N, C-alpha and C. Protein backbone atom coordinates (compact mmCIF):
# COMPACT_ATOMS: atom_id res chain seq x y z
N UNK A 1 91.46 78.55 81.85
CA UNK A 1 90.46 79.04 81.48
C UNK A 1 89.21 78.22 82.25
N UNK A 2 87.96 79.16 82.41
CA UNK A 2 86.73 78.50 82.81
C UNK A 2 86.03 77.50 82.85
N UNK A 3 85.81 76.64 84.45
CA UNK A 3 84.63 75.49 83.74
C UNK A 3 84.34 75.48 83.19
N UNK A 4 82.74 74.80 83.72
CA UNK A 4 81.51 74.50 82.76
C UNK A 4 80.71 75.46 84.23
N UNK A 5 79.94 76.79 83.30
CA UNK A 5 79.09 77.06 84.75
C UNK A 5 80.33 77.81 85.68
N UNK A 6 81.26 77.82 85.50
CA UNK A 6 81.78 78.61 86.34
C UNK A 6 82.31 80.28 86.58
N UNK A 7 82.05 80.82 85.74
CA UNK A 7 82.08 82.26 85.54
C UNK A 7 82.43 83.58 86.17
N UNK A 8 80.85 82.90 87.23
CA UNK A 8 80.66 84.12 88.48
C UNK A 8 81.40 84.81 89.15
N UNK A 9 83.27 83.66 89.57
CA UNK A 9 84.76 84.19 90.40
C UNK A 9 84.92 84.52 89.60
N UNK A 10 84.91 84.68 88.01
CA UNK A 10 85.86 85.36 87.07
C UNK A 10 84.88 87.26 86.72
N UNK A 11 83.50 86.62 86.41
CA UNK A 11 82.66 87.87 86.94
C UNK A 11 83.66 89.12 87.52
N UNK A 12 83.32 88.73 88.71
CA UNK A 12 83.72 89.48 90.08
C UNK A 12 84.93 89.98 89.94
N UNK A 13 86.20 89.08 89.79
CA UNK A 13 87.02 89.65 89.51
C UNK A 13 87.01 90.45 88.15
N UNK A 14 86.44 91.00 86.90
CA UNK A 14 86.35 91.04 85.55
C UNK A 14 86.48 93.16 86.43
N UNK A 15 84.94 92.77 87.50
CA UNK A 15 84.16 93.86 87.30
C UNK A 15 85.09 95.04 88.42
N UNK A 16 86.27 93.85 89.56
CA UNK A 16 86.79 94.81 90.32
C UNK A 16 88.09 95.17 89.58
N UNK A 17 87.75 94.72 88.43
CA UNK A 17 89.69 95.30 88.23
C UNK A 17 89.12 96.54 87.07
N UNK A 18 88.15 95.72 86.22
CA UNK A 18 87.49 97.55 86.59
C UNK A 18 87.36 98.81 86.58
N UNK A 19 86.67 98.49 88.06
CA UNK A 19 86.06 99.35 88.74
C UNK A 19 88.22 100.34 89.06
N UNK A 20 88.83 99.62 89.69
CA UNK A 20 89.35 100.03 89.97
C UNK A 20 91.20 100.93 88.63
N UNK A 21 90.37 99.91 87.34
CA UNK A 21 91.09 101.34 86.39
C UNK A 21 90.30 101.89 86.28
N UNK A 22 88.70 102.73 86.46
CA UNK A 22 88.61 102.85 85.78
C UNK A 22 89.04 105.04 87.24
N UNK A 23 88.45 104.52 88.39
CA UNK A 23 88.88 105.28 89.78
C UNK A 23 90.49 105.27 89.24
N UNK A 24 91.20 104.54 88.71
CA UNK A 24 92.72 105.29 88.77
C UNK A 24 93.19 105.89 87.65
N UNK A 25 92.03 105.99 86.57
CA UNK A 25 92.29 107.08 84.91
C UNK A 25 91.70 108.19 85.83
N UNK A 26 90.32 108.21 86.77
CA UNK A 26 90.17 109.87 87.50
C UNK A 26 91.41 110.04 88.67
N UNK A 27 92.45 109.16 89.56
CA UNK A 27 92.81 109.42 89.98
C UNK A 27 94.34 110.15 89.47
N UNK A 28 93.97 110.12 87.93
CA UNK A 28 95.64 110.01 87.53
C UNK A 28 95.22 111.42 86.74
N UNK A 29 94.31 111.99 86.32
CA UNK A 29 93.79 113.08 85.94
C UNK A 29 93.00 114.07 86.49
N UNK A 30 93.03 113.70 87.76
CA UNK A 30 93.14 115.21 89.14
C UNK A 30 94.42 114.75 89.02
N UNK A 31 95.22 114.20 89.07
CA UNK A 31 96.87 115.01 90.06
C UNK A 31 97.46 115.60 88.77
N UNK A 32 97.18 114.82 87.36
CA UNK A 32 98.11 115.79 85.53
C UNK A 32 96.75 116.85 86.05
N UNK A 33 95.80 117.37 86.24
CA UNK A 33 94.96 118.90 86.57
C UNK A 33 95.89 119.29 87.72
N UNK A 34 96.54 118.43 88.48
CA UNK A 34 96.23 119.64 89.44
C UNK A 34 97.93 119.09 89.50
N UNK A 35 98.81 119.08 88.16
CA UNK A 35 100.02 119.55 88.30
C UNK A 35 100.04 120.73 87.78
N UNK A 36 99.87 120.76 86.70
CA UNK A 36 99.17 121.27 85.66
C UNK A 36 99.25 123.08 86.11
N UNK A 37 97.83 123.15 86.75
CA UNK A 37 97.93 123.47 87.32
C UNK A 37 98.61 124.14 88.19
N UNK A 38 100.25 124.08 89.41
CA UNK A 38 101.05 124.38 89.76
C UNK A 38 101.96 124.92 89.20
N UNK A 39 102.09 124.49 87.91
CA UNK A 39 103.01 125.29 86.76
C UNK A 39 102.79 126.24 86.64
N UNK A 40 101.82 125.68 86.11
CA UNK A 40 100.98 127.23 84.88
C UNK A 40 101.23 128.63 85.99
C-alpha cells in the first residue's frame, strides 16, 4: 500500500489505467459494430 502522503504516483497510474479502459471499451464497441455491419 502507499505510505504516508505517497498517493500521487498511485493516482497517476490509476488515472492512466482508467483512461486505457475507457478507450479500450470504445475501440471494442467500434470493432463490434463493424463486424455486425459486415455480417449483416
